[in-house]
């Protein structure tokens, strides 16, 4: 990926129409400022995902599937379980995420042949 590809991707991410709740709409109420639970999860969220440059890029990205209140609620309940449970059931927590991933057309970059 060259400079122009990266600059184009940044420009598109800043000007795209938001198509549903973003990562921040889902996670901020649960992980940004909370007391109790697993402090590591909140610290990771604030440090890695809460990075100001990344926040600016990802705030406009939304997932249309999360406009469904049942899916959004299931995802937030899973995050609460991960945050608050003494010994979280990671398979149950990952189920709503896996269900969302099934509906996303994920394409990995194909580098040019050397």
PDB file of N, CA and C in Angstrom:
ATOM      1  N   UNK A   1       0.844  -1.176   0.000  1.00  0.00           N
ATOM      2  CA  UNK A   1       0.000   0.000   0.000  1.00  0.00           C
ATOM      3  C   UNK A   1       0.888   1.237   0.000  1.00  0.00           C
ATOM      4  N   UNK A   2       0.677   2.072  -0.973  1.00  0.00           N
ATOM      5  CA  UNK A   2       1.460   3.286  -1.071  1.00  0.00           C
ATOM      6  C   UNK A   2       0.809   4.441  -0.327  1.00  0.00           C
ATOM      7  N   UNK A   3       1.501   5.565  -0.339  1.00  0.00           N
ATOM      8  CA  UNK A   3       1.012   6.756   0.356  1.00  0.00           C
ATOM      9  C   UNK A   3      -0.362   7.175  -0.160  1.00  0.00           C
ATOM     10  N   UNK A   4      -0.544   7.161  -1.487  1.00  0.00           N
ATOM     11  CA  UNK A   4      -1.817   7.610  -2.059  1.00  0.00           C
ATOM     12  C   UNK A   4      -2.969   6.675  -1.681  1.00  0.00           C
ATOM     13  N   UNK A   5      -2.677   5.382  -1.595  1.00  0.00           N
ATOM     14  CA  UNK A   5      -3.709   4.429  -1.164  1.00  0.00           C
ATOM     15  C   UNK A   5      -4.132   4.713   0.272  1.00  0.00           C
ATOM     16  N   UNK A   6      -3.152   4.938   1.128  1.00  0.00           N
ATOM     17  CA  UNK A   6      -3.441   5.216   2.540  1.00  0.00           C
ATOM     18  C   UNK A   6      -4.185   6.539   2.681  1.00  0.00           C
ATOM     19  N   UNK A   7      -3.723   7.574   1.972  1.00  0.00           N
ATOM     20  CA  UNK A   7      -4.383   8.878   2.041  1.00  0.00           C
ATOM     21  C   UNK A   7      -5.825   8.782   1.542  1.00  0.00           C
ATOM     22  N   UNK A   8      -6.043   8.019   0.483  1.00  0.00           N
ATOM     23  CA  UNK A   8      -7.399   7.830  -0.037  1.00  0.00           C
ATOM     24  C   UNK A   8      -8.291   7.116   0.964  1.00  0.00           C
ATOM     25  N   UNK A   9      -7.744   6.090   1.612  1.00  0.00           N
ATOM     26  CA  UNK A   9      -8.515   5.351   2.617  1.00  0.00           C
ATOM     27  C   UNK A   9      -8.872   6.245   3.796  1.00  0.00           C
ATOM     28  N   UNK A  10      -7.938   7.074   4.235  1.00  0.00           N
ATOM     29  CA  UNK A  10      -8.200   8.005   5.339  1.00  0.00           C
ATOM     30  C   UNK A  10      -9.286   8.996   4.938  1.00  0.00           C
ATOM     31  N   UNK A  11      -9.175   9.544   3.739  1.00  0.00           N
ATOM     32  CA  UNK A  11     -10.170  10.510   3.262  1.00  0.00           C
ATOM     33  C   UNK A  11     -11.559   9.871   3.197  1.00  0.00           C
ATOM     34  N   UNK A  12     -11.632   8.653   2.660  1.00  0.00           N
ATOM     35  CA  UNK A  12     -12.932   7.971   2.585  1.00  0.00           C
ATOM     36  C   UNK A  12     -13.498   7.700   3.972  1.00  0.00           C
ATOM     37  N   UNK A  13     -12.625   7.327   4.911  1.00  0.00           N
ATOM     38  CA  UNK A  13     -13.121   7.017   6.260  1.00  0.00           C
ATOM     39  C   UNK A  13     -13.638   8.261   6.973  1.00  0.00           C
ATOM     40  N   UNK A  14     -13.090   9.418   6.644  1.00  0.00           N
ATOM     41  CA  UNK A  14     -13.527  10.654   7.297  1.00  0.00           C
ATOM     42  C   UNK A  14     -14.778  11.248   6.660  1.00  0.00           C
ATOM     43  N   UNK A  15     -15.082  10.849   5.430  1.00  0.00           N
ATOM     44  CA  UNK A  15     -16.218  11.451   4.736  1.00  0.00           C
ATOM     45  C   UNK A  15     -17.369  10.482   4.490  1.00  0.00           C
ATOM     46  N   UNK A  16     -17.204   9.239   4.869  1.00  0.00           N
ATOM     47  CA  UNK A  16     -18.238   8.237   4.626  1.00  0.00           C
ATOM     48  C   UNK A  16     -19.474   8.510   5.490  1.00  0.00           C
ATOM     49  N   UNK A  17     -20.629   8.134   4.963  1.00  0.00           N
ATOM     50  CA  UNK A  17     -21.872   8.265   5.718  1.00  0.00           C
ATOM     51  C   UNK A  17     -21.928   7.147   6.750  1.00  0.00           C
ATOM     52  N   UNK A  18     -22.225   7.495   7.970  1.00  0.00           N
ATOM     53  CA  UNK A  18     -22.315   6.510   9.048  1.00  0.00           C
ATOM     54  C   UNK A  18     -23.542   5.639   8.810  1.00  0.00           C
ATOM     55  N   UNK A  19     -23.329   4.323   8.812  1.00  0.00           N
ATOM     56  CA  UNK A  19     -24.366   3.391   8.399  1.00  0.00           C
ATOM     57  C   UNK A  19     -24.971   2.587   9.541  1.00  0.00           C
ATOM     58  N   UNK A  20     -24.664   2.935  10.762  1.00  0.00           N
ATOM     59  CA  UNK A  20     -25.164   2.221  11.930  1.00  0.00           C
ATOM     60  C   UNK A  20     -24.302   2.583  13.121  1.00  0.00           C
ATOM     61  N   UNK A  21     -24.549   1.986  14.273  1.00  0.00           N
ATOM     62  CA  UNK A  21     -23.730   2.277  15.454  1.00  0.00           C
ATOM     63  C   UNK A  21     -22.265   1.904  15.218  1.00  0.00           C
ATOM     64  N   UNK A  22     -21.378   2.740  15.702  1.00  0.00           N
ATOM     65  CA  UNK A  22     -19.945   2.485  15.561  1.00  0.00           C
ATOM     66  C   UNK A  22     -19.433   1.713  16.771  1.00  0.00           C
ATOM     67  N   UNK A  23     -18.190   1.324  16.690  1.00  0.00           N
ATOM     68  CA  UNK A  23     -17.515   0.660  17.803  1.00  0.00           C
ATOM     69  C   UNK A  23     -17.637   1.501  19.070  1.00  0.00           C
ATOM     70  N   UNK A  24     -17.522   2.805  18.923  1.00  0.00           N
ATOM     71  CA  UNK A  24     -17.574   3.707  20.072  1.00  0.00           C
ATOM     72  C   UNK A  24     -18.990   3.831  20.629  1.00  0.00           C
ATOM     73  N   UNK A  25     -19.995   3.818  19.754  1.00  0.00           N
ATOM     74  CA  UNK A  25     -21.381   3.858  20.227  1.00  0.00           C
ATOM     75  C   UNK A  25     -21.702   2.631  21.074  1.00  0.00           C
ATOM     76  N   UNK A  26     -21.117   1.496  20.703  1.00  0.00           N
ATOM     77  CA  UNK A  26     -21.356   0.248  21.421  1.00  0.00           C
ATOM     78  C   UNK A  26     -20.551   0.200  22.712  1.00  0.00           C
ATOM     79  N   UNK A  27     -19.275   0.556  22.644  1.00  0.00           N
ATOM     80  CA  UNK A  27     -18.350   0.304  23.757  1.00  0.00           C
ATOM     81  C   UNK A  27     -18.181   1.454  24.743  1.00  0.00           C
ATOM     82  N   UNK A  28     -18.270   2.697  24.301  1.00  0.00           N
ATOM     83  CA  UNK A  28     -18.029   3.823  25.216  1.00  0.00           C
ATOM     84  C   UNK A  28     -18.877   3.763  26.485  1.00  0.00           C
ATOM     85  N   UNK A  29     -20.193   3.526  26.377  1.00  0.00           N
ATOM     86  CA  UNK A  29     -20.989   3.505  27.614  1.00  0.00           C
ATOM     87  C   UNK A  29     -20.573   2.393  28.576  1.00  0.00           C
ATOM     88  N   UNK A  30     -19.978   1.328  28.046  1.00  0.00           N
ATOM     89  CA  UNK A  30     -19.638   0.175  28.878  1.00  0.00           C
ATOM     90  C   UNK A  30     -18.191   0.158  29.348  1.00  0.00           C
ATOM     91  N   UNK A  31     -17.275   0.700  28.550  1.00  0.00           N
ATOM     92  CA  UNK A  31     -15.857   0.515  28.844  1.00  0.00           C
ATOM     93  C   UNK A  31     -15.064   1.794  29.068  1.00  0.00           C
ATOM     94  N   UNK A  32     -15.589   2.937  28.680  1.00  0.00           N
ATOM     95  CA  UNK A  32     -14.787   4.155  28.770  1.00  0.00           C
ATOM     96  C   UNK A  32     -14.554   4.584  30.212  1.00  0.00           C
ATOM     97  N   UNK A  33     -15.613   4.715  30.979  1.00  0.00           N
ATOM     98  CA  UNK A  33     -15.491   5.150  32.381  1.00  0.00           C
ATOM     99  C   UNK A  33     -16.386   4.277  33.240  1.00  0.00           C
ATOM    100  N   UNK A  34     -15.835   3.243  33.790  1.00  0.00           N
ATOM    101  CA  UNK A  34     -16.626   2.380  34.668  1.00  0.00           C
ATOM    102  C   UNK A  34     -15.790   1.998  35.871  1.00  0.00           C
ATOM    103  N   UNK A  35     -16.460   1.628  36.912  1.00  0.00           N
ATOM    104  CA  UNK A  35     -15.807   1.186  38.147  1.00  0.00           C
ATOM    105  C   UNK A  35     -16.138  -0.279  38.355  1.00  0.00           C
ATOM    106  N   UNK A  36     -15.189  -1.023  38.846  1.00  0.00           N
ATOM    107  CA  UNK A  36     -15.411  -2.439  39.107  1.00  0.00           C
ATOM    108  C   UNK A  36     -15.115  -3.276  37.885  1.00  0.00           C
ATOM    109  N   UNK A  37     -15.341  -4.568  38.002  1.00  0.00           N
ATOM    110  CA  UNK A  37     -15.105  -5.459  36.880  1.00  0.00           C
ATOM    111  C   UNK A  37     -13.626  -5.607  36.570  1.00  0.00           C
ATOM    112  N   UNK A  38     -13.336  -6.065  35.373  1.00  0.00           N
ATOM    113  CA  UNK A  38     -11.965  -6.297  34.939  1.00  0.00           C
ATOM    114  C   UNK A  38     -11.341  -4.981  34.482  1.00  0.00           C
ATOM    115  N   UNK A  39     -10.427  -4.468  35.259  1.00  0.00           N
ATOM    116  CA  UNK A  39      -9.790  -3.187  34.938  1.00  0.00           C
ATOM    117  C   UNK A  39      -8.960  -3.274  33.664  1.00  0.00           C
ATOM    118  N   UNK A  40      -8.454  -4.462  33.335  1.00  0.00           N
ATOM    119  CA  UNK A  40      -7.615  -4.604  32.145  1.00  0.00           C
ATOM    120  C   UNK A  40      -8.392  -4.342  30.861  1.00  0.00           C
ATOM    121  N   UNK A  41      -9.636  -4.773  30.814  1.00  0.00           N
ATOM    122  CA  UNK A  41     -10.456  -4.571  29.625  1.00  0.00           C
ATOM    123  C   UNK A  41     -10.674  -3.080  29.368  1.00  0.00           C
ATOM    124  N   UNK A  42     -11.018  -2.345  30.408  1.00  0.00           N
ATOM    125  CA  UNK A  42     -11.206  -0.905  30.265  1.00  0.00           C
ATOM    126  C   UNK A  42      -9.918  -0.192  29.922  1.00  0.00           C
ATOM    127  N   UNK A  43      -8.824  -0.615  30.524  1.00  0.00           N
ATOM    128  CA  UNK A  43      -7.532   0.015  30.238  1.00  0.00           C
ATOM    129  C   UNK A  43      -7.134  -0.225  28.786  1.00  0.00           C
ATOM    130  N   UNK A  44      -7.327  -1.449  28.294  1.00  0.00           N
ATOM    131  CA  UNK A  44      -7.033  -1.738  26.894  1.00  0.00           C
ATOM    132  C   UNK A  44      -7.897  -0.878  25.979  1.00  0.00           C
ATOM    133  N   UNK A  45      -9.176  -0.797  26.282  1.00  0.00           N
ATOM    134  CA  UNK A  45     -10.086  -0.020  25.441  1.00  0.00           C
ATOM    135  C   UNK A  45      -9.665   1.447  25.398  1.00  0.00           C
ATOM    136  N   UNK A  46      -9.382   2.015  26.549  1.00  0.00           N
ATOM    137  CA  UNK A  46      -9.007   3.430  26.594  1.00  0.00           C
ATOM    138  C   UNK A  46      -7.661   3.681  25.921  1.00  0.00           C
ATOM    139  N   UNK A  47      -6.727   2.747  26.035  1.00  0.00           N
ATOM    140  CA  UNK A  47      -5.394   2.941  25.475  1.00  0.00           C
ATOM    141  C   UNK A  47      -5.363   2.664  23.978  1.00  0.00           C
ATOM    142  N   UNK A  48      -5.823   1.500  23.576  1.00  0.00           N
ATOM    143  CA  UNK A  48      -5.700   1.090  22.179  1.00  0.00           C
ATOM    144  C   UNK A  48      -6.809   1.662  21.300  1.00  0.00           C
ATOM    145  N   UNK A  49      -8.033   1.406  21.663  1.00  0.00           N
ATOM    146  CA  UNK A  49      -9.159   1.821  20.835  1.00  0.00           C
ATOM    147  C   UNK A  49      -9.488   3.294  21.063  1.00  0.00           C
ATOM    148  N   UNK A  50      -9.182   3.815  22.233  1.00  0.00           N
ATOM    149  CA  UNK A  50      -9.466   5.207  22.545  1.00  0.00           C
ATOM    150  C   UNK A  50      -8.407   6.177  22.049  1.00  0.00           C
ATOM    151  N   UNK A  51      -7.415   5.681  21.331  1.00  0.00           N
ATOM    152  CA  UNK A  51      -6.377   6.532  20.759  1.00  0.00           C
ATOM    153  C   UNK A  51      -7.047   7.632  19.927  1.00  0.00           C
ATOM    154  N   UNK A  52      -6.707   8.898  20.167  1.00  0.00           N
ATOM    155  CA  UNK A  52      -7.404   9.995  19.470  1.00  0.00           C
ATOM    156  C   UNK A  52      -7.362   9.900  17.946  1.00  0.00           C
ATOM    157  N   UNK A  53      -6.232   9.500  17.378  1.00  0.00           N
ATOM    158  CA  UNK A  53      -6.154   9.393  15.916  1.00  0.00           C
ATOM    159  C   UNK A  53      -7.058   8.269  15.406  1.00  0.00           C
ATOM    160  N   UNK A  54      -7.035   7.152  16.086  1.00  0.00           N
ATOM    161  CA  UNK A  54      -7.870   6.026  15.686  1.00  0.00           C
ATOM    162  C   UNK A  54      -9.343   6.348  15.902  1.00  0.00           C
ATOM    163  N   UNK A  55      -9.648   7.029  16.986  1.00  0.00           N
ATOM    164  CA  UNK A  55     -11.030   7.414  17.283  1.00  0.00           C
ATOM    165  C   UNK A  55     -11.584   8.285  16.159  1.00  0.00           C
ATOM    166  N   UNK A  56     -10.781   9.208  15.674  1.00  0.00           N
ATOM    167  CA  UNK A  56     -11.225  10.065  14.575  1.00  0.00           C
ATOM    168  C   UNK A  56     -11.534   9.286  13.309  1.00  0.00           C
ATOM    169  N   UNK A  57     -10.731   8.259  13.046  1.00  0.00           N
ATOM    170  CA  UNK A  57     -10.950   7.452  11.849  1.00  0.00           C
ATOM    171  C   UNK A  57     -12.150   6.519  11.982  1.00  0.00           C
ATOM    172  N   UNK A  58     -12.295   5.904  13.143  1.00  0.00           N
ATOM    173  CA  UNK A  58     -13.322   4.879  13.303  1.00  0.00           C
ATOM    174  C   UNK A  58     -14.687   5.407  13.732  1.00  0.00           C
ATOM    175  N   UNK A  59     -14.760   6.641  14.175  1.00  0.00           N
ATOM    176  CA  UNK A  59     -16.037   7.170  14.658  1.00  0.00           C
ATOM    177  C   UNK A  59     -17.100   7.170  13.555  1.00  0.00           C
ATOM    178  N   UNK A  60     -16.715   7.376  12.319  1.00  0.00           N
ATOM    179  CA  UNK A  60     -17.678   7.445  11.220  1.00  0.00           C
ATOM    180  C   UNK A  60     -18.063   6.070  10.688  1.00  0.00           C
ATOM    181  N   UNK A  61     -17.327   5.051  11.075  1.00  0.00           N
ATOM    182  CA  UNK A  61     -17.652   3.715  10.579  1.00  0.00           C
ATOM    183  C   UNK A  61     -18.762   3.132  11.431  1.00  0.00           C
ATOM    184  N   UNK A  62     -19.735   2.593  10.792  1.00  0.00           N
ATOM    185  CA  UNK A  62     -20.840   1.979  11.507  1.00  0.00           C
ATOM    186  C   UNK A  62     -21.166   0.628  10.902  1.00  0.00           C
ATOM    187  N   UNK A  63     -21.816  -0.191  11.651  1.00  0.00           N
ATOM    188  CA  UNK A  63     -22.194  -1.515  11.183  1.00  0.00           C
ATOM    189  C   UNK A  63     -23.717  -1.562  11.074  1.00  0.00           C
ATOM    190  N   UNK A  64     -24.252  -1.659   9.846  1.00  0.00           N
ATOM    191  CA  UNK A  64     -25.703  -1.642   9.671  1.00  0.00           C
ATOM    192  C   UNK A  64     -26.430  -2.719  10.477  1.00  0.00           C
ATOM    193  N   UNK A  65     -25.805  -3.869  10.680  1.00  0.00           N
ATOM    194  CA  UNK A  65     -26.448  -4.955  11.428  1.00  0.00           C
ATOM    195  C   UNK A  65     -26.758  -4.544  12.862  1.00  0.00           C
ATOM    196  N   UNK A  66     -26.015  -3.573  13.390  1.00  0.00           N
ATOM    197  CA  UNK A  66     -26.237  -3.154  14.776  1.00  0.00           C
ATOM    198  C   UNK A  66     -27.411  -2.189  14.923  1.00  0.00           C
ATOM    199  N   UNK A  67     -28.063  -1.846  13.813  1.00  0.00           N
ATOM    200  CA  UNK A  67     -29.297  -1.072  13.926  1.00  0.00           C
ATOM    201  C   UNK A  67     -30.421  -1.933  14.492  1.00  0.00           C
ATOM    202  N   UNK A  68     -30.229  -3.254  14.427  1.00  0.00           N
ATOM    203  CA  UNK A  68     -31.166  -4.204  15.033  1.00  0.00           C
ATOM    204  C   UNK A  68     -30.919  -4.189  16.541  1.00  0.00           C
ATOM    205  N   UNK A  69     -31.906  -3.713  17.299  1.00  0.00           N
ATOM    206  CA  UNK A  69     -31.733  -3.558  18.748  1.00  0.00           C
ATOM    207  C   UNK A  69     -31.421  -4.867  19.462  1.00  0.00           C
ATOM    208  N   UNK A  70     -31.932  -5.984  18.948  1.00  0.00           N
ATOM    209  CA  UNK A  70     -31.653  -7.281  19.580  1.00  0.00           C
ATOM    210  C   UNK A  70     -30.171  -7.637  19.446  1.00  0.00           C
ATOM    211  N   UNK A  71     -29.610  -7.413  18.268  1.00  0.00           N
ATOM    212  CA  UNK A  71     -28.181  -7.703  18.062  1.00  0.00           C
ATOM    213  C   UNK A  71     -27.314  -6.762  18.887  1.00  0.00           C
ATOM    214  N   UNK A  72     -27.671  -5.494  18.896  1.00  0.00           N
ATOM    215  CA  UNK A  72     -26.916  -4.518  19.677  1.00  0.00           C
ATOM    216  C   UNK A  72     -26.975  -4.869  21.157  1.00  0.00           C
ATOM    217  N   UNK A  73     -28.148  -5.222  21.643  1.00  0.00           N
ATOM    218  CA  UNK A  73     -28.299  -5.601  23.046  1.00  0.00           C
ATOM    219  C   UNK A  73     -27.498  -6.842  23.399  1.00  0.00           C
ATOM    220  N   UNK A  74     -27.484  -7.836  22.495  1.00  0.00           N
ATOM    221  CA  UNK A  74     -26.715  -9.063  22.743  1.00  0.00           C
ATOM    222  C   UNK A  74     -25.222  -8.760  22.806  1.00  0.00           C
ATOM    223  N   UNK A  75     -24.759  -7.888  21.932  1.00  0.00           N
ATOM    224  CA  UNK A  75     -23.339  -7.525  21.931  1.00  0.00           C
ATOM    225  C   UNK A  75     -22.974  -6.760  23.202  1.00  0.00           C
ATOM    226  N   UNK A  76     -23.812  -5.828  23.610  1.00  0.00           N
ATOM    227  CA  UNK A  76     -23.528  -5.078  24.833  1.00  0.00           C
ATOM    228  C   UNK A  76     -23.611  -5.971  26.069  1.00  0.00           C
ATOM    229  N   UNK A  77     -24.539  -6.917  26.079  1.00  0.00           N
ATOM    230  CA  UNK A  77     -24.619  -7.858  27.202  1.00  0.00           C
ATOM    231  C   UNK A  77     -23.357  -8.711  27.275  1.00  0.00           C
ATOM    232  N   UNK A  78     -22.835  -9.110  26.123  1.00  0.00           N
ATOM    233  CA  UNK A  78     -21.595  -9.893  26.099  1.00  0.00           C
ATOM    234  C   UNK A  78     -20.426  -9.067  26.626  1.00  0.00           C
ATOM    235  N   UNK A  79     -20.371  -7.795  26.253  1.00  0.00           N
ATOM    236  CA  UNK A  79     -19.303  -6.924  26.765  1.00  0.00           C
ATOM    237  C   UNK A  79     -19.408  -6.745  28.277  1.00  0.00           C
ATOM    238  N   UNK A  80     -20.629  -6.597  28.774  1.00  0.00           N
ATOM    239  CA  UNK A  80     -20.824  -6.481  30.228  1.00  0.00           C
ATOM    240  C   UNK A  80     -20.363  -7.744  30.934  1.00  0.00           C
ATOM    241  N   UNK A  81     -20.675  -8.898  30.347  1.00  0.00           N
ATOM    242  CA  UNK A  81     -20.249 -10.176  30.927  1.00  0.00           C
ATOM    243  C   UNK A  81     -18.722 -10.268  30.948  1.00  0.00           C
ATOM    244  N   UNK A  82     -18.079  -9.877  29.859  1.00  0.00           N
ATOM    245  CA  UNK A  82     -16.611  -9.913  29.804  1.00  0.00           C
ATOM    246  C   UNK A  82     -16.012  -8.964  30.830  1.00  0.00           C
ATOM    247  N   UNK A  83     -16.656  -7.838  31.014  1.00  0.00           N
ATOM    248  CA  UNK A  83     -16.152  -6.824  31.938  1.00  0.00           C
ATOM    249  C   UNK A  83     -16.378  -7.209  33.394  1.00  0.00           C
ATOM    250  N   UNK A  84     -17.531  -7.777  33.713  1.00  0.00           N
ATOM    251  CA  UNK A  84     -17.933  -7.940  35.108  1.00  0.00           C
ATOM    252  C   UNK A  84     -17.767  -9.341  35.691  1.00  0.00           C
ATOM    253  N   UNK A  85     -17.766 -10.371  34.858  1.00  0.00           N
ATOM    254  CA  UNK A  85     -17.737 -11.743  35.384  1.00  0.00           C
ATOM    255  C   UNK A  85     -16.369 -12.077  35.960  1.00  0.00           C
ATOM    256  N   UNK A  86     -16.392 -12.809  37.050  1.00  0.00           N
ATOM    257  CA  UNK A  86     -15.150 -13.266  37.682  1.00  0.00           C
ATOM    258  C   UNK A  86     -14.407 -14.234  36.760  1.00  0.00           C
ATOM    259  N   UNK A  87     -15.136 -15.162  36.157  1.00  0.00           N
ATOM    260  CA  UNK A  87     -14.567 -16.132  35.210  1.00  0.00           C
ATOM    261  C   UNK A  87     -15.484 -16.148  33.978  1.00  0.00           C
ATOM    262  N   UNK A  88     -15.250 -15.239  33.030  1.00  0.00           N
ATOM    263  CA  UNK A  88     -16.153 -15.119  31.879  1.00  0.00           C
ATOM    264  C   UNK A  88     -16.196 -16.388  31.023  1.00  0.00           C
ATOM    265  N   UNK A  89     -17.359 -16.665  30.472  1.00  0.00           N
ATOM    266  CA  UNK A  89     -17.540 -17.752  29.510  1.00  0.00           C
ATOM    267  C   UNK A  89     -17.250 -17.165  28.130  1.00  0.00           C
ATOM    268  N   UNK A  90     -16.022 -17.320  27.672  1.00  0.00           N
ATOM    269  CA  UNK A  90     -15.583 -16.649  26.455  1.00  0.00           C
ATOM    270  C   UNK A  90     -16.290 -17.159  25.210  1.00  0.00           C
ATOM    271  N   UNK A  91     -16.699 -18.413  25.203  1.00  0.00           N
ATOM    272  CA  UNK A  91     -17.451 -18.930  24.051  1.00  0.00           C
ATOM    273  C   UNK A  91     -18.795 -18.211  23.937  1.00  0.00           C
ATOM    274  N   UNK A  92     -19.472 -18.030  25.061  1.00  0.00           N
ATOM    275  CA  UNK A  92     -20.760 -17.325  25.058  1.00  0.00           C
ATOM    276  C   UNK A  92     -20.565 -15.847  24.730  1.00  0.00           C
ATOM    277  N   UNK A  93     -19.483 -15.268  25.212  1.00  0.00           N
ATOM    278  CA  UNK A  93     -19.209 -13.854  24.949  1.00  0.00           C
ATOM    279  C   UNK A  93     -18.899 -13.635  23.473  1.00  0.00           C
ATOM    280  N   UNK A  94     -18.186 -14.563  22.865  1.00  0.00           N
ATOM    281  CA  UNK A  94     -17.815 -14.431  21.459  1.00  0.00           C
ATOM    282  C   UNK A  94     -18.940 -14.715  20.485  1.00  0.00           C
ATOM    283  N   UNK A  95     -20.016 -15.364  20.940  1.00  0.00           N
ATOM    284  CA  UNK A  95     -21.108 -15.740  20.035  1.00  0.00           C
ATOM    285  C   UNK A  95     -21.747 -14.542  19.324  1.00  0.00           C
ATOM    286  N   UNK A  96     -22.084 -13.437  20.011  1.00  0.00           N
ATOM    287  CA  UNK A  96     -22.667 -12.297  19.290  1.00  0.00           C
ATOM    288  C   UNK A  96     -21.686 -11.662  18.301  1.00  0.00           C
ATOM    289  N   UNK A  97     -20.406 -11.690  18.636  1.00  0.00           N
ATOM    290  CA  UNK A  97     -19.389 -11.150  17.725  1.00  0.00           C
ATOM    291  C   UNK A  97     -19.298 -12.040  16.486  1.00  0.00           C
ATOM    292  N   UNK A  98     -19.288 -13.351  16.691  1.00  0.00           N
ATOM    293  CA  UNK A  98     -19.233 -14.289  15.566  1.00  0.00           C
ATOM    294  C   UNK A  98     -20.454 -14.129  14.666  1.00  0.00           C
ATOM    295  N   UNK A  99     -21.617 -13.931  15.267  1.00  0.00           N
ATOM    296  CA  UNK A  99     -22.841 -13.743  14.481  1.00  0.00           C
ATOM    297  C   UNK A  99     -22.745 -12.483  13.620  1.00  0.00           C
ATOM    298  N   UNK A 100     -22.155 -11.433  14.154  1.00  0.00           N
ATOM    299  CA  UNK A 100     -21.972 -10.209  13.371  1.00  0.00           C
ATOM    300  C   UNK A 100     -20.961 -10.412  12.251  1.00  0.00           C
ATOM    301  N   UNK A 101     -19.897 -11.145  12.526  1.00  0.00           N
ATOM    302  CA  UNK A 101     -18.851 -11.366  11.525  1.00  0.00           C
ATOM    303  C   UNK A 101     -19.362 -12.181  10.336  1.00  0.00           C
ATOM    304  N   UNK A 102     -20.350 -13.047  10.562  1.00  0.00           N
ATOM    305  CA  UNK A 102     -20.905 -13.843   9.468  1.00  0.00           C
ATOM    306  C   UNK A 102     -21.530 -12.960   8.391  1.00  0.00           C
ATOM    307  N   UNK A 103     -22.048 -11.815   8.783  1.00  0.00           N
ATOM    308  CA  UNK A 103     -22.712 -10.934   7.833  1.00  0.00           C
ATOM    309  C   UNK A 103     -21.806  -9.908   7.182  1.00  0.00           C
ATOM    310  N   UNK A 104     -20.525  -9.949   7.495  1.00  0.00           N
ATOM    311  CA  UNK A 104     -19.585  -8.974   6.938  1.00  0.00           C
ATOM    312  C   UNK A 104     -18.748  -9.652   5.867  1.00  0.00           C
ATOM    313  N   UNK A 105     -18.648  -9.021   4.720  1.00  0.00           N
ATOM    314  CA  UNK A 105     -17.827  -9.547   3.630  1.00  0.00           C
ATOM    315  C   UNK A 105     -16.380  -9.115   3.872  1.00  0.00           C
ATOM    316  N   UNK A 106     -15.657  -9.953   4.587  1.00  0.00           N
ATOM    317  CA  UNK A 106     -14.269  -9.639   4.918  1.00  0.00           C
ATOM    318  C   UNK A 106     -13.378 -10.143   3.795  1.00  0.00           C
ATOM    319  N   UNK A 107     -12.617  -9.239   3.218  1.00  0.00           N
ATOM    320  CA  UNK A 107     -11.659  -9.608   2.178  1.00  0.00           C
ATOM    321  C   UNK A 107     -10.281  -9.176   2.628  1.00  0.00           C
ATOM    322  N   UNK A 108      -9.397 -10.113   2.659  1.00  0.00           N
ATOM    323  CA  UNK A 108      -8.032  -9.806   3.053  1.00  0.00           C
ATOM    324  C   UNK A 108      -7.275  -9.274   1.840  1.00  0.00           C
ATOM    325  N   UNK A 109      -6.348  -8.348   2.058  1.00  0.00           N
ATOM    326  CA  UNK A 109      -5.594  -7.802   0.927  1.00  0.00           C
ATOM    327  C   UNK A 109      -4.754  -8.892   0.262  1.00  0.00           C
ATOM    328  N   UNK A 110      -4.679  -8.823  -1.043  1.00  0.00           N
ATOM    329  CA  UNK A 110      -3.856  -9.756  -1.802  1.00  0.00           C
ATOM    330  C   UNK A 110      -2.639  -9.005  -2.322  1.00  0.00           C
ATOM    331  N   UNK A 111      -1.483  -9.206  -1.700  1.00  0.00           N
ATOM    332  CA  UNK A 111      -0.298  -8.481  -2.157  1.00  0.00           C
ATOM    333  C   UNK A 111       0.100  -8.929  -3.563  1.00  0.00           C
ATOM    334  N   UNK A 112       0.690  -8.024  -4.289  1.00  0.00           N
ATOM    335  CA  UNK A 112       1.156  -8.334  -5.639  1.00  0.00           C
ATOM    336  C   UNK A 112       2.259  -9.379  -5.573  1.00  0.00           C
ATOM    337  N   UNK A 113       2.320 -10.182  -6.607  1.00  0.00           N
ATOM    338  CA  UNK A 113       3.368 -11.211  -6.660  1.00  0.00           C
ATOM    339  C   UNK A 113       4.736 -10.544  -6.716  1.00  0.00           C
ATOM    340  N   UNK A 114       5.689 -11.165  -6.054  1.00  0.00           N
ATOM    341  CA  UNK A 114       7.041 -10.583  -5.999  1.00  0.00           C
ATOM    342  C   UNK A 114       7.811 -10.839  -7.262  1.00  0.00           C
TER     343      UNK A 114
END
